[in-house]
Protein backbone atom coordinates (compact mmCIF):
# COMPACT_ATOMS: atom_id res chain seq x y z
CA UNK A 1 -9.90 17.41 37.93
CA UNK A 2 -9.38 18.10 34.33
CA UNK A 3 -9.49 15.00 31.75
CA UNK A 4 -6.33 14.50 29.88
CA UNK A 5 -6.51 14.16 26.64
CA UNK A 6 -3.81 12.12 23.75
CA UNK A 7 -0.55 13.36 22.60
CA UNK A 8 -1.71 14.63 18.56
CA UNK A 9 1.61 13.63 17.74
CA UNK A 10 1.39 9.66 18.59
CA UNK A 11 -1.29 9.20 16.56
CA UNK A 12 -0.24 10.49 13.98
CA UNK A 13 2.15 8.42 13.94
CA UNK A 14 0.94 5.33 14.30
CA UNK A 15 -1.85 6.19 11.64
CA UNK A 16 0.95 7.07 9.13
CA UNK A 17 3.56 3.45 9.90
CA UNK A 18 0.05 1.43 10.22
CA UNK A 19 -0.99 3.25 6.31
CA UNK A 20 2.71 2.59 5.15
CA UNK A 21 2.00 -1.66 6.68
CA UNK A 22 -1.32 -1.71 4.85
CA UNK A 23 0.05 -0.47 1.94
CA UNK A 24 2.73 -2.58 1.10
CA UNK A 25 0.69 -5.43 2.40
CA UNK A 26 -1.90 -4.99 -0.50
CA UNK A 27 1.10 -3.83 -3.14
CA UNK A 28 2.25 -7.65 -2.40
CA UNK A 29 -1.10 -9.64 -2.26
CA UNK A 30 -1.24 -10.28 -6.27
CA UNK A 31 2.95 -10.44 -6.84
CA UNK A 32 3.50 -13.21 -3.34
CA UNK A 33 0.47 -14.11 -1.42
CA UNK A 34 -1.92 -14.66 -4.66
CA UNK A 35 0.00 -16.71 -6.29
CA UNK A 36 1.27 -19.25 -3.17
CA UNK A 37 -2.17 -19.82 -2.12
CA UNK A 38 -3.03 -20.36 -6.37
CA UNK A 39 -0.51 -22.71 -7.51
CA UNK A 40 -3.03 -24.72 -10.28
CA UNK A 41 -4.21 -21.62 -11.90
CA UNK A 42 -1.26 -20.53 -12.51
CA UNK A 43 0.64 -23.43 -13.49
CA UNK A 44 -2.82 -24.17 -16.19
CA UNK A 45 -2.05 -20.32 -17.46
CA UNK A 46 1.39 -20.52 -17.56
CA UNK A 47 1.39 -23.78 -20.02
CA UNK A 48 -1.50 -22.16 -22.03
CA UNK A 49 0.79 -18.99 -22.82
CA UNK A 50 3.57 -21.23 -23.21
CA UNK A 51 2.53 -24.43 -25.88
CA UNK A 52 3.20 -22.78 -28.21
CA UNK A 53 7.02 -21.33 -27.77
CA UNK A 54 9.56 -24.22 -28.72
CA UNK A 55 11.83 -23.96 -26.01
CA UNK A 56 15.04 -25.28 -28.19
CA UNK A 57 14.90 -22.57 -30.60
CA UNK A 58 14.74 -19.58 -27.77
CA UNK A 59 17.48 -21.18 -25.70
CA UNK A 60 20.42 -19.05 -25.33
CA UNK A 61 23.52 -19.92 -27.13
CA UNK A 62 23.20 -23.64 -28.12
CA UNK A 63 22.19 -24.28 -24.17
CA UNK A 64 20.43 -27.43 -23.90
CA UNK A 65 16.72 -27.40 -22.77
CA UNK A 66 16.44 -26.73 -18.22
CA UNK A 67 16.41 -30.13 -17.27
CA UNK A 68 16.61 -30.92 -12.79
CA UNK A 69 19.67 -32.70 -11.97
CA UNK A 70 18.22 -35.12 -8.96
CA UNK A 71 14.78 -36.58 -11.87
CA UNK A 72 12.15 -35.33 -9.50
CA UNK A 73 8.87 -35.49 -11.19
């Protein structure tokens, strides 16, 4: 009896699809997952970078600065 060989076409397609999925996950990690896991770090970065910006002066068309309509803190 001869040993059966695995079909090469299926293996290549699986590697290609697996590589594509891995590349998408690697690309999404710094954009979506890392900020979601480390919220406080990003809040501190935003506070530091926005401290010298006067929000009243950068609002378009004289609109008032956004506030939460439900009064959440």
